[in-house]
């Protein structure tokens, strides 16, 4: 079994558990920027976190792949994420 599926299940379990707090708005803003914004704007968002240079570069490498996904598919990803957050936060 691929590792991504169990990780997804554990993430959903923690997100939607009764004892968990609401999703951090800063995290939502970063994820939205990661998926939707062009790379120069995303770089500005990343600077707020004072991450090590290796982590910063790694995130920008993944951003290159995300940018290759069509805008409509990225919009669908955002809509799914927002539905999950609203379910977990209620």
PDB file of N, CA and C in Angstrom:
ATOM      1  N   UNK A   1       0.845  -1.167   0.000  1.00  0.00           N
ATOM      2  CA  UNK A   1       0.000   0.000   0.000  1.00  0.00           C
ATOM      3  C   UNK A   1       0.899   1.242   0.000  1.00  0.00           C
ATOM      4  N   UNK A   2       0.503   2.232  -0.739  1.00  0.00           N
ATOM      5  CA  UNK A   2       1.266   3.454  -0.792  1.00  0.00           C
ATOM      6  C   UNK A   2       1.156   4.194   0.535  1.00  0.00           C
ATOM      7  N   UNK A   3       2.197   4.892   0.890  1.00  0.00           N
ATOM      8  CA  UNK A   3       2.245   5.609   2.158  1.00  0.00           C
ATOM      9  C   UNK A   3       1.271   6.787   2.192  1.00  0.00           C
ATOM     10  N   UNK A   4       0.963   7.362   1.038  1.00  0.00           N
ATOM     11  CA  UNK A   4       0.114   8.558   1.023  1.00  0.00           C
ATOM     12  C   UNK A   4      -1.298   8.269   1.539  1.00  0.00           C
ATOM     13  N   UNK A   5      -1.834   7.095   1.284  1.00  0.00           N
ATOM     14  CA  UNK A   5      -3.192   6.787   1.729  1.00  0.00           C
ATOM     15  C   UNK A   5      -3.300   6.721   3.249  1.00  0.00           C
ATOM     16  N   UNK A   6      -2.425   5.989   3.949  1.00  0.00           N
ATOM     17  CA  UNK A   6      -2.501   6.003   5.418  1.00  0.00           C
ATOM     18  C   UNK A   6      -2.265   7.387   6.013  1.00  0.00           C
ATOM     19  N   UNK A   7      -1.359   8.159   5.409  1.00  0.00           N
ATOM     20  CA  UNK A   7      -1.108   9.515   5.901  1.00  0.00           C
ATOM     21  C   UNK A   7      -2.363  10.366   5.744  1.00  0.00           C
ATOM     22  N   UNK A   8      -3.056  10.225   4.633  1.00  0.00           N
ATOM     23  CA  UNK A   8      -4.304  10.959   4.425  1.00  0.00           C
ATOM     24  C   UNK A   8      -5.341  10.583   5.478  1.00  0.00           C
ATOM     25  N   UNK A   9      -5.477   9.310   5.752  1.00  0.00           N
ATOM     26  CA  UNK A   9      -6.447   8.870   6.754  1.00  0.00           C
ATOM     27  C   UNK A   9      -6.128   9.418   8.139  1.00  0.00           C
ATOM     28  N   UNK A  10      -4.857   9.386   8.517  1.00  0.00           N
ATOM     29  CA  UNK A  10      -4.469   9.913   9.830  1.00  0.00           C
ATOM     30  C   UNK A  10      -4.704  11.419   9.895  1.00  0.00           C
ATOM     31  N   UNK A  11      -4.383  12.124   8.814  1.00  0.00           N
ATOM     32  CA  UNK A  11      -4.596  13.570   8.775  1.00  0.00           C
ATOM     33  C   UNK A  11      -6.074  13.900   8.931  1.00  0.00           C
ATOM     34  N   UNK A  12      -6.926  13.184   8.220  1.00  0.00           N
ATOM     35  CA  UNK A  12      -8.363  13.427   8.331  1.00  0.00           C
ATOM     36  C   UNK A  12      -8.875  13.095   9.735  1.00  0.00           C
ATOM     37  N   UNK A  13      -8.338  12.058  10.329  1.00  0.00           N
ATOM     38  CA  UNK A  13      -8.758  11.685  11.682  1.00  0.00           C
ATOM     39  C   UNK A  13      -8.407  12.788  12.669  1.00  0.00           C
ATOM     40  N   UNK A  14      -7.213  13.334  12.568  1.00  0.00           N
ATOM     41  CA  UNK A  14      -6.823  14.406  13.471  1.00  0.00           C
ATOM     42  C   UNK A  14      -7.608  15.682  13.194  1.00  0.00           C
ATOM     43  N   UNK A  15      -7.814  15.978  11.924  1.00  0.00           N
ATOM     44  CA  UNK A  15      -8.524  17.201  11.544  1.00  0.00           C
ATOM     45  C   UNK A  15      -9.960  17.171  12.036  1.00  0.00           C
ATOM     46  N   UNK A  16     -10.609  16.059  11.910  1.00  0.00           N
ATOM     47  CA  UNK A  16     -12.032  15.981  12.202  1.00  0.00           C
ATOM     48  C   UNK A  16     -12.344  15.394  13.579  1.00  0.00           C
ATOM     49  N   UNK A  17     -11.339  15.227  14.420  1.00  0.00           N
ATOM     50  CA  UNK A  17     -11.629  14.701  15.747  1.00  0.00           C
ATOM     51  C   UNK A  17     -12.302  15.771  16.599  1.00  0.00           C
ATOM     52  N   UNK A  18     -13.086  15.364  17.569  1.00  0.00           N
ATOM     53  CA  UNK A  18     -13.807  16.289  18.435  1.00  0.00           C
ATOM     54  C   UNK A  18     -12.863  17.138  19.278  1.00  0.00           C
ATOM     55  N   UNK A  19     -11.703  16.596  19.652  1.00  0.00           N
ATOM     56  CA  UNK A  19     -10.802  17.288  20.555  1.00  0.00           C
ATOM     57  C   UNK A  19      -9.905  18.302  19.849  1.00  0.00           C
ATOM     58  N   UNK A  20      -9.893  18.305  18.548  1.00  0.00           N
ATOM     59  CA  UNK A  20      -8.995  19.168  17.809  1.00  0.00           C
ATOM     60  C   UNK A  20      -9.553  20.586  17.703  1.00  0.00           C
ATOM     61  N   UNK A  21      -8.679  21.562  17.709  1.00  0.00           N
ATOM     62  CA  UNK A  21      -9.078  22.952  17.536  1.00  0.00           C
ATOM     63  C   UNK A  21      -9.347  23.214  16.057  1.00  0.00           C
ATOM     64  N   UNK A  22      -9.844  24.391  15.778  1.00  0.00           N
ATOM     65  CA  UNK A  22     -10.112  24.757  14.387  1.00  0.00           C
ATOM     66  C   UNK A  22      -8.811  24.884  13.606  1.00  0.00           C
ATOM     67  N   UNK A  23      -8.937  24.767  12.292  1.00  0.00           N
ATOM     68  CA  UNK A  23      -7.774  24.862  11.416  1.00  0.00           C
ATOM     69  C   UNK A  23      -7.236  26.292  11.472  1.00  0.00           C
ATOM     70  N   UNK A  24      -5.932  26.398  11.582  1.00  0.00           N
ATOM     71  CA  UNK A  24      -5.269  27.694  11.703  1.00  0.00           C
ATOM     72  C   UNK A  24      -5.474  28.517  10.419  1.00  0.00           C
ATOM     73  N   UNK A  25      -5.964  29.750  10.544  1.00  0.00           N
ATOM     74  CA  UNK A  25      -6.168  30.585   9.347  1.00  0.00           C
ATOM     75  C   UNK A  25      -4.886  30.847   8.569  1.00  0.00           C
ATOM     76  N   UNK A  26      -3.755  30.926   9.265  1.00  0.00           N
ATOM     77  CA  UNK A  26      -2.482  31.142   8.581  1.00  0.00           C
ATOM     78  C   UNK A  26      -2.140  29.963   7.681  1.00  0.00           C
ATOM     79  N   UNK A  27      -2.420  28.762   8.152  1.00  0.00           N
ATOM     80  CA  UNK A  27      -2.181  27.567   7.344  1.00  0.00           C
ATOM     81  C   UNK A  27      -3.082  27.566   6.107  1.00  0.00           C
ATOM     82  N   UNK A  28      -4.329  27.940   6.286  1.00  0.00           N
ATOM     83  CA  UNK A  28      -5.247  28.005   5.137  1.00  0.00           C
ATOM     84  C   UNK A  28      -4.770  29.020   4.108  1.00  0.00           C
ATOM     85  N   UNK A  29      -4.289  30.172   4.581  1.00  0.00           N
ATOM     86  CA  UNK A  29      -3.809  31.191   3.665  1.00  0.00           C
ATOM     87  C   UNK A  29      -2.593  30.673   2.888  1.00  0.00           C
ATOM     88  N   UNK A  30      -1.692  29.969   3.594  1.00  0.00           N
ATOM     89  CA  UNK A  30      -0.502  29.431   2.932  1.00  0.00           C
ATOM     90  C   UNK A  30      -0.880  28.370   1.901  1.00  0.00           C
ATOM     91  N   UNK A  31      -1.798  27.472   2.252  1.00  0.00           N
ATOM     92  CA  UNK A  31      -2.223  26.438   1.313  1.00  0.00           C
ATOM     93  C   UNK A  31      -2.914  27.037   0.095  1.00  0.00           C
ATOM     94  N   UNK A  32      -3.745  28.050   0.333  1.00  0.00           N
ATOM     95  CA  UNK A  32      -4.426  28.709  -0.779  1.00  0.00           C
ATOM     96  C   UNK A  32      -3.411  29.367  -1.709  1.00  0.00           C
ATOM     97  N   UNK A  33      -2.433  30.039  -1.117  1.00  0.00           N
ATOM     98  CA  UNK A  33      -1.393  30.680  -1.916  1.00  0.00           C
ATOM     99  C   UNK A  33      -0.567  29.644  -2.666  1.00  0.00           C
ATOM    100  N   UNK A  34      -0.253  28.537  -2.004  1.00  0.00           N
ATOM    101  CA  UNK A  34       0.532  27.460  -2.621  1.00  0.00           C
ATOM    102  C   UNK A  34      -0.171  26.918  -3.850  1.00  0.00           C
ATOM    103  N   UNK A  35      -1.477  26.782  -3.778  1.00  0.00           N
ATOM    104  CA  UNK A  35      -2.225  26.186  -4.883  1.00  0.00           C
ATOM    105  C   UNK A  35      -2.566  27.209  -5.970  1.00  0.00           C
ATOM    106  N   UNK A  36      -2.945  28.418  -5.588  1.00  0.00           N
ATOM    107  CA  UNK A  36      -3.513  29.352  -6.556  1.00  0.00           C
ATOM    108  C   UNK A  36      -2.571  30.465  -7.038  1.00  0.00           C
ATOM    109  N   UNK A  37      -1.742  30.992  -6.167  1.00  0.00           N
ATOM    110  CA  UNK A  37      -0.965  32.186  -6.508  1.00  0.00           C
ATOM    111  C   UNK A  37       0.226  31.875  -7.400  1.00  0.00           C
ATOM    112  N   UNK A  38       0.654  32.872  -8.178  1.00  0.00           N
ATOM    113  CA  UNK A  38       1.891  32.696  -8.943  1.00  0.00           C
ATOM    114  C   UNK A  38       3.096  32.615  -7.994  1.00  0.00           C
ATOM    115  N   UNK A  39       4.187  32.088  -8.468  1.00  0.00           N
ATOM    116  CA  UNK A  39       5.369  31.841  -7.642  1.00  0.00           C
ATOM    117  C   UNK A  39       5.892  33.100  -6.940  1.00  0.00           C
ATOM    118  N   UNK A  40       5.990  34.271  -7.595  1.00  0.00           N
ATOM    119  CA  UNK A  40       6.511  35.446  -6.875  1.00  0.00           C
ATOM    120  C   UNK A  40       5.670  35.832  -5.645  1.00  0.00           C
ATOM    121  N   UNK A  41       4.376  35.704  -5.742  1.00  0.00           N
ATOM    122  CA  UNK A  41       3.517  36.021  -4.598  1.00  0.00           C
ATOM    123  C   UNK A  41       3.681  34.958  -3.519  1.00  0.00           C
ATOM    124  N   UNK A  42       3.783  33.698  -3.921  1.00  0.00           N
ATOM    125  CA  UNK A  42       3.965  32.626  -2.957  1.00  0.00           C
ATOM    126  C   UNK A  42       5.289  32.782  -2.205  1.00  0.00           C
ATOM    127  N   UNK A  43       6.332  33.265  -2.872  1.00  0.00           N
ATOM    128  CA  UNK A  43       7.612  33.499  -2.211  1.00  0.00           C
ATOM    129  C   UNK A  43       7.456  34.494  -1.063  1.00  0.00           C
ATOM    130  N   UNK A  44       6.656  35.530  -1.277  1.00  0.00           N
ATOM    131  CA  UNK A  44       6.416  36.536  -0.232  1.00  0.00           C
ATOM    132  C   UNK A  44       5.710  35.894   0.961  1.00  0.00           C
ATOM    133  N   UNK A  45       4.742  35.033   0.701  1.00  0.00           N
ATOM    134  CA  UNK A  45       4.038  34.339   1.780  1.00  0.00           C
ATOM    135  C   UNK A  45       5.009  33.463   2.561  1.00  0.00           C
ATOM    136  N   UNK A  46       5.897  32.765   1.871  1.00  0.00           N
ATOM    137  CA  UNK A  46       6.856  31.878   2.531  1.00  0.00           C
ATOM    138  C   UNK A  46       7.834  32.638   3.429  1.00  0.00           C
ATOM    139  N   UNK A  47       8.155  33.862   3.080  1.00  0.00           N
ATOM    140  CA  UNK A  47       9.133  34.624   3.859  1.00  0.00           C
ATOM    141  C   UNK A  47       8.663  34.860   5.297  1.00  0.00           C
ATOM    142  N   UNK A  48       7.348  34.848   5.531  1.00  0.00           N
ATOM    143  CA  UNK A  48       6.822  35.068   6.875  1.00  0.00           C
ATOM    144  C   UNK A  48       7.223  33.967   7.842  1.00  0.00           C
ATOM    145  N   UNK A  49       7.522  32.773   7.345  1.00  0.00           N
ATOM    146  CA  UNK A  49       7.735  31.622   8.201  1.00  0.00           C
ATOM    147  C   UNK A  49       9.195  31.406   8.604  1.00  0.00           C
ATOM    148  N   UNK A  50      10.109  32.195   8.075  1.00  0.00           N
ATOM    149  CA  UNK A  50      11.536  32.073   8.412  1.00  0.00           C
ATOM    150  C   UNK A  50      12.025  30.629   8.363  1.00  0.00           C
ATOM    151  N   UNK A  51      11.650  29.932   7.325  1.00  0.00           N
ATOM    152  CA  UNK A  51      12.047  28.527   7.162  1.00  0.00           C
ATOM    153  C   UNK A  51      13.516  28.449   6.743  1.00  0.00           C
ATOM    154  N   UNK A  52      14.171  27.321   7.014  1.00  0.00           N
ATOM    155  CA  UNK A  52      15.548  27.138   6.530  1.00  0.00           C
ATOM    156  C   UNK A  52      15.572  27.178   4.996  1.00  0.00           C
ATOM    157  N   UNK A  53      16.688  27.600   4.432  1.00  0.00           N
ATOM    158  CA  UNK A  53      16.770  27.711   2.966  1.00  0.00           C
ATOM    159  C   UNK A  53      16.427  26.413   2.234  1.00  0.00           C
ATOM    160  N   UNK A  54      16.772  25.270   2.808  1.00  0.00           N
ATOM    161  CA  UNK A  54      16.486  23.993   2.157  1.00  0.00           C
ATOM    162  C   UNK A  54      14.972  23.761   2.071  1.00  0.00           C
ATOM    163  N   UNK A  55      14.265  24.077   3.137  1.00  0.00           N
ATOM    164  CA  UNK A  55      12.812  23.908   3.141  1.00  0.00           C
ATOM    165  C   UNK A  55      12.161  24.884   2.172  1.00  0.00           C
ATOM    166  N   UNK A  56      12.663  26.102   2.140  1.00  0.00           N
ATOM    167  CA  UNK A  56      12.149  27.131   1.235  1.00  0.00           C
ATOM    168  C   UNK A  56      12.294  26.680  -0.218  1.00  0.00           C
ATOM    169  N   UNK A  57      13.487  26.192  -0.567  1.00  0.00           N
ATOM    170  CA  UNK A  57      13.741  25.726  -1.933  1.00  0.00           C
ATOM    171  C   UNK A  57      12.898  24.500  -2.276  1.00  0.00           C
ATOM    172  N   UNK A  58      12.745  23.597  -1.326  1.00  0.00           N
ATOM    173  CA  UNK A  58      11.945  22.395  -1.574  1.00  0.00           C
ATOM    174  C   UNK A  58      10.495  22.768  -1.865  1.00  0.00           C
ATOM    175  N   UNK A  59       9.968  23.717  -1.111  1.00  0.00           N
ATOM    176  CA  UNK A  59       8.584  24.127  -1.326  1.00  0.00           C
ATOM    177  C   UNK A  59       8.416  24.795  -2.697  1.00  0.00           C
ATOM    178  N   UNK A  60       9.405  25.563  -3.110  1.00  0.00           N
ATOM    179  CA  UNK A  60       9.342  26.194  -4.433  1.00  0.00           C
ATOM    180  C   UNK A  60       9.444  25.163  -5.558  1.00  0.00           C
ATOM    181  N   UNK A  61      10.187  24.086  -5.327  1.00  0.00           N
ATOM    182  CA  UNK A  61      10.262  23.018  -6.329  1.00  0.00           C
ATOM    183  C   UNK A  61       8.903  22.345  -6.512  1.00  0.00           C
ATOM    184  N   UNK A  62       8.212  22.090  -5.408  1.00  0.00           N
ATOM    185  CA  UNK A  62       6.883  21.477  -5.494  1.00  0.00           C
ATOM    186  C   UNK A  62       5.911  22.462  -6.129  1.00  0.00           C
ATOM    187  N   UNK A  63       6.085  23.746  -5.853  1.00  0.00           N
ATOM    188  CA  UNK A  63       5.218  24.780  -6.435  1.00  0.00           C
ATOM    189  C   UNK A  63       5.303  24.760  -7.965  1.00  0.00           C
ATOM    190  N   UNK A  64       6.485  24.454  -8.499  1.00  0.00           N
ATOM    191  CA  UNK A  64       6.623  24.356  -9.957  1.00  0.00           C
ATOM    192  C   UNK A  64       5.686  23.289 -10.522  1.00  0.00           C
ATOM    193  N   UNK A  65       5.563  22.179  -9.818  1.00  0.00           N
ATOM    194  CA  UNK A  65       4.652  21.111 -10.263  1.00  0.00           C
ATOM    195  C   UNK A  65       3.199  21.548 -10.148  1.00  0.00           C
ATOM    196  N   UNK A  66       2.870  22.206  -9.050  1.00  0.00           N
ATOM    197  CA  UNK A  66       1.492  22.674  -8.839  1.00  0.00           C
ATOM    198  C   UNK A  66       1.102  23.659  -9.942  1.00  0.00           C
ATOM    199  N   UNK A  67       2.032  24.501 -10.347  1.00  0.00           N
ATOM    200  CA  UNK A  67       1.742  25.499 -11.388  1.00  0.00           C
ATOM    201  C   UNK A  67       1.407  24.859 -12.730  1.00  0.00           C
ATOM    202  N   UNK A  68       1.776  23.600 -12.926  1.00  0.00           N
ATOM    203  CA  UNK A  68       1.483  22.927 -14.184  1.00  0.00           C
ATOM    204  C   UNK A  68       0.067  22.360 -14.229  1.00  0.00           C
ATOM    205  N   UNK A  69      -0.607  22.337 -13.094  1.00  0.00           N
ATOM    206  CA  UNK A  69      -1.999  21.870 -13.045  1.00  0.00           C
ATOM    207  C   UNK A  69      -2.891  22.992 -13.572  1.00  0.00           C
ATOM    208  N   UNK A  70      -3.912  22.641 -14.321  1.00  0.00           N
ATOM    209  CA  UNK A  70      -4.790  23.668 -14.891  1.00  0.00           C
ATOM    210  C   UNK A  70      -5.463  24.483 -13.790  1.00  0.00           C
ATOM    211  N   UNK A  71      -5.785  25.728 -14.124  1.00  0.00           N
ATOM    212  CA  UNK A  71      -6.398  26.622 -13.138  1.00  0.00           C
ATOM    213  C   UNK A  71      -7.723  26.064 -12.634  1.00  0.00           C
ATOM    214  N   UNK A  72      -8.523  25.495 -13.502  1.00  0.00           N
ATOM    215  CA  UNK A  72      -9.820  24.955 -13.066  1.00  0.00           C
ATOM    216  C   UNK A  72      -9.644  23.777 -12.109  1.00  0.00           C
ATOM    217  N   UNK A  73      -8.636  22.941 -12.347  1.00  0.00           N
ATOM    218  CA  UNK A  73      -8.368  21.831 -11.431  1.00  0.00           C
ATOM    219  C   UNK A  73      -7.858  22.339 -10.086  1.00  0.00           C
ATOM    220  N   UNK A  74      -7.035  23.393 -10.112  1.00  0.00           N
ATOM    221  CA  UNK A  74      -6.571  23.972  -8.853  1.00  0.00           C
ATOM    222  C   UNK A  74      -7.732  24.601  -8.085  1.00  0.00           C
ATOM    223  N   UNK A  75      -8.647  25.203  -8.807  1.00  0.00           N
ATOM    224  CA  UNK A  75      -9.832  25.792  -8.164  1.00  0.00           C
ATOM    225  C   UNK A  75     -10.661  24.678  -7.501  1.00  0.00           C
ATOM    226  N   UNK A  76     -10.782  23.546  -8.172  1.00  0.00           N
ATOM    227  CA  UNK A  76     -11.499  22.402  -7.603  1.00  0.00           C
ATOM    228  C   UNK A  76     -10.799  21.920  -6.331  1.00  0.00           C
ATOM    229  N   UNK A  77      -9.473  21.896  -6.347  1.00  0.00           N
ATOM    230  CA  UNK A  77      -8.725  21.499  -5.149  1.00  0.00           C
ATOM    231  C   UNK A  77      -9.030  22.438  -3.980  1.00  0.00           C
ATOM    232  N   UNK A  78      -9.072  23.721  -4.247  1.00  0.00           N
ATOM    233  CA  UNK A  78      -9.384  24.705  -3.200  1.00  0.00           C
ATOM    234  C   UNK A  78     -10.788  24.484  -2.661  1.00  0.00           C
ATOM    235  N   UNK A  79     -11.747  24.258  -3.549  1.00  0.00           N
ATOM    236  CA  UNK A  79     -13.127  24.044  -3.110  1.00  0.00           C
ATOM    237  C   UNK A  79     -13.241  22.804  -2.219  1.00  0.00           C
ATOM    238  N   UNK A  80     -12.546  21.738  -2.575  1.00  0.00           N
ATOM    239  CA  UNK A  80     -12.559  20.525  -1.746  1.00  0.00           C
ATOM    240  C   UNK A  80     -11.930  20.814  -0.390  1.00  0.00           C
ATOM    241  N   UNK A  81     -10.813  21.524  -0.395  1.00  0.00           N
ATOM    242  CA  UNK A  81     -10.150  21.865   0.861  1.00  0.00           C
ATOM    243  C   UNK A  81     -11.073  22.699   1.754  1.00  0.00           C
ATOM    244  N   UNK A  82     -11.763  23.663   1.180  1.00  0.00           N
ATOM    245  CA  UNK A  82     -12.660  24.506   1.973  1.00  0.00           C
ATOM    246  C   UNK A  82     -13.841  23.706   2.536  1.00  0.00           C
ATOM    247  N   UNK A  83     -14.345  22.746   1.765  1.00  0.00           N
ATOM    248  CA  UNK A  83     -15.421  21.891   2.278  1.00  0.00           C
ATOM    249  C   UNK A  83     -14.928  21.048   3.441  1.00  0.00           C
ATOM    250  N   UNK A  84     -13.724  20.507   3.317  1.00  0.00           N
ATOM    251  CA  UNK A  84     -13.160  19.711   4.405  1.00  0.00           C
ATOM    252  C   UNK A  84     -12.970  20.555   5.656  1.00  0.00           C
ATOM    253  N   UNK A  85     -12.462  21.771   5.484  1.00  0.00           N
ATOM    254  CA  UNK A  85     -12.228  22.644   6.623  1.00  0.00           C
ATOM    255  C   UNK A  85     -13.532  23.024   7.291  1.00  0.00           C
ATOM    256  N   UNK A  86     -14.541  23.344   6.502  1.00  0.00           N
ATOM    257  CA  UNK A  86     -15.826  23.713   7.100  1.00  0.00           C
ATOM    258  C   UNK A  86     -16.451  22.542   7.853  1.00  0.00           C
ATOM    259  N   UNK A  87     -16.260  21.332   7.344  1.00  0.00           N
ATOM    260  CA  UNK A  87     -16.760  20.152   8.042  1.00  0.00           C
ATOM    261  C   UNK A  87     -15.989  19.922   9.340  1.00  0.00           C
ATOM    262  N   UNK A  88     -14.688  20.063   9.274  1.00  0.00           N
ATOM    263  CA  UNK A  88     -13.858  19.824  10.461  1.00  0.00           C
ATOM    264  C   UNK A  88     -14.013  20.931  11.509  1.00  0.00           C
ATOM    265  N   UNK A  89     -14.282  22.139  11.080  1.00  0.00           N
ATOM    266  CA  UNK A  89     -14.392  23.264  12.013  1.00  0.00           C
ATOM    267  C   UNK A  89     -15.773  23.381  12.653  1.00  0.00           C
ATOM    268  N   UNK A  90     -16.735  22.623  12.155  1.00  0.00           N
ATOM    269  CA  UNK A  90     -18.076  22.773  12.722  1.00  0.00           C
ATOM    270  C   UNK A  90     -18.321  21.804  13.857  1.00  0.00           C
TER     271      UNK A  90
END
